[in-house]
């Protein structure tokens, strides 16, 4: 669970920005979107294959540097 403690003289907008950043980095938005609709096995395979492909490309770029 994401949690933000507001300081004494902190603006509400800045605390909200910190909260949004924390929720985003925790992966809560992605998890929420994933559970919105049923994903068929075909869609799941395709999503995982794309993720593997992205990870492989990222690893190759790091290796070249």
C-alpha atoms as a PDB file:
ATOM      1  CA  UNK A   1       0.000   0.000   0.000  1.00  0.00           C
ATOM      2  CA  UNK A   2       1.366   3.403  -0.970  1.00  0.00           C
ATOM      3  CA  UNK A   3       1.485   5.934   1.810  1.00  0.00           C
ATOM      4  CA  UNK A   4       2.640   9.560   2.001  1.00  0.00           C
ATOM      5  CA  UNK A   5       3.092  11.607   5.163  1.00  0.00           C
ATOM      6  CA  UNK A   6       2.316  15.293   4.685  1.00  0.00           C
ATOM      7  CA  UNK A   7       4.770  17.721   6.258  1.00  0.00           C
ATOM      8  CA  UNK A   8       3.910  20.759   8.397  1.00  0.00           C
ATOM      9  CA  UNK A   9       3.999  23.436   5.686  1.00  0.00           C
ATOM     10  CA  UNK A  10       3.696  21.169   2.653  1.00  0.00           C
ATOM     11  CA  UNK A  11       1.219  22.027  -0.081  1.00  0.00           C
ATOM     12  CA  UNK A  12      -1.485  19.468  -0.829  1.00  0.00           C
ATOM     13  CA  UNK A  13      -0.541  19.488  -4.525  1.00  0.00           C
ATOM     14  CA  UNK A  14       3.054  18.463  -3.836  1.00  0.00           C
ATOM     15  CA  UNK A  15       1.916  15.672  -1.507  1.00  0.00           C
ATOM     16  CA  UNK A  16      -0.502  14.460  -4.176  1.00  0.00           C
ATOM     17  CA  UNK A  17       2.315  14.487  -6.742  1.00  0.00           C
ATOM     18  CA  UNK A  18       4.509  12.403  -4.401  1.00  0.00           C
ATOM     19  CA  UNK A  19       1.638   9.987  -3.804  1.00  0.00           C
ATOM     20  CA  UNK A  20       1.029   9.538  -7.545  1.00  0.00           C
ATOM     21  CA  UNK A  21       4.733   8.921  -8.128  1.00  0.00           C
ATOM     22  CA  UNK A  22       4.844   6.342  -5.335  1.00  0.00           C
ATOM     23  CA  UNK A  23       1.726   4.532  -6.610  1.00  0.00           C
ATOM     24  CA  UNK A  24       3.127   4.498 -10.130  1.00  0.00           C
ATOM     25  CA  UNK A  25       6.492   3.088  -9.049  1.00  0.00           C
ATOM     26  CA  UNK A  26       4.765   0.408  -6.953  1.00  0.00           C
ATOM     27  CA  UNK A  27       2.992  -0.843 -10.085  1.00  0.00           C
ATOM     28  CA  UNK A  28      -0.496  -0.391  -8.688  1.00  0.00           C
ATOM     29  CA  UNK A  29      -1.823   1.319 -11.840  1.00  0.00           C
ATOM     30  CA  UNK A  30      -0.573  -1.484 -14.088  1.00  0.00           C
ATOM     31  CA  UNK A  31      -2.080  -4.115 -11.807  1.00  0.00           C
ATOM     32  CA  UNK A  32      -5.388  -2.274 -11.720  1.00  0.00           C
ATOM     33  CA  UNK A  33      -5.547  -1.969 -15.512  1.00  0.00           C
ATOM     34  CA  UNK A  34      -4.643  -5.639 -15.925  1.00  0.00           C
ATOM     35  CA  UNK A  35      -7.629  -6.727 -13.837  1.00  0.00           C
ATOM     36  CA  UNK A  36     -10.198  -4.651 -15.707  1.00  0.00           C
ATOM     37  CA  UNK A  37     -11.092  -7.278 -18.307  1.00  0.00           C
ATOM     38  CA  UNK A  38     -10.583 -10.950 -18.985  1.00  0.00           C
ATOM     39  CA  UNK A  39      -7.437 -11.752 -20.918  1.00  0.00           C
ATOM     40  CA  UNK A  40      -7.613 -14.760 -23.228  1.00  0.00           C
ATOM     41  CA  UNK A  41      -4.695 -17.223 -23.258  1.00  0.00           C
ATOM     42  CA  UNK A  42      -3.746 -15.964 -26.728  1.00  0.00           C
ATOM     43  CA  UNK A  43      -3.581 -12.339 -25.492  1.00  0.00           C
ATOM     44  CA  UNK A  44      -1.567 -13.420 -22.456  1.00  0.00           C
ATOM     45  CA  UNK A  45       0.996 -15.271 -24.627  1.00  0.00           C
ATOM     46  CA  UNK A  46       1.275 -12.258 -26.932  1.00  0.00           C
ATOM     47  CA  UNK A  47       1.770  -9.842 -24.008  1.00  0.00           C
ATOM     48  CA  UNK A  48       4.441 -12.054 -22.429  1.00  0.00           C
ATOM     49  CA  UNK A  49       6.229 -12.499 -25.767  1.00  0.00           C
ATOM     50  CA  UNK A  50       6.323  -8.716 -26.268  1.00  0.00           C
ATOM     51  CA  UNK A  51       7.694  -8.271 -22.754  1.00  0.00           C
ATOM     52  CA  UNK A  52      10.426 -10.865 -23.398  1.00  0.00           C
ATOM     53  CA  UNK A  53      11.295  -9.150 -26.673  1.00  0.00           C
ATOM     54  CA  UNK A  54      11.549  -5.743 -24.967  1.00  0.00           C
ATOM     55  CA  UNK A  55      13.692  -7.179 -22.184  1.00  0.00           C
ATOM     56  CA  UNK A  56      16.000  -8.889 -24.676  1.00  0.00           C
ATOM     57  CA  UNK A  57      16.439  -5.636 -26.629  1.00  0.00           C
ATOM     58  CA  UNK A  58      17.157  -3.711 -23.446  1.00  0.00           C
ATOM     59  CA  UNK A  59      19.739  -6.286 -22.382  1.00  0.00           C
ATOM     60  CA  UNK A  60      21.415  -6.151 -25.801  1.00  0.00           C
ATOM     61  CA  UNK A  61      21.689  -2.353 -25.634  1.00  0.00           C
ATOM     62  CA  UNK A  62      23.295  -2.542 -22.195  1.00  0.00           C
ATOM     63  CA  UNK A  63      25.735  -5.163 -23.407  1.00  0.00           C
ATOM     64  CA  UNK A  64      26.851  -2.959 -26.316  1.00  0.00           C
ATOM     65  CA  UNK A  65      27.606   0.045 -24.118  1.00  0.00           C
END
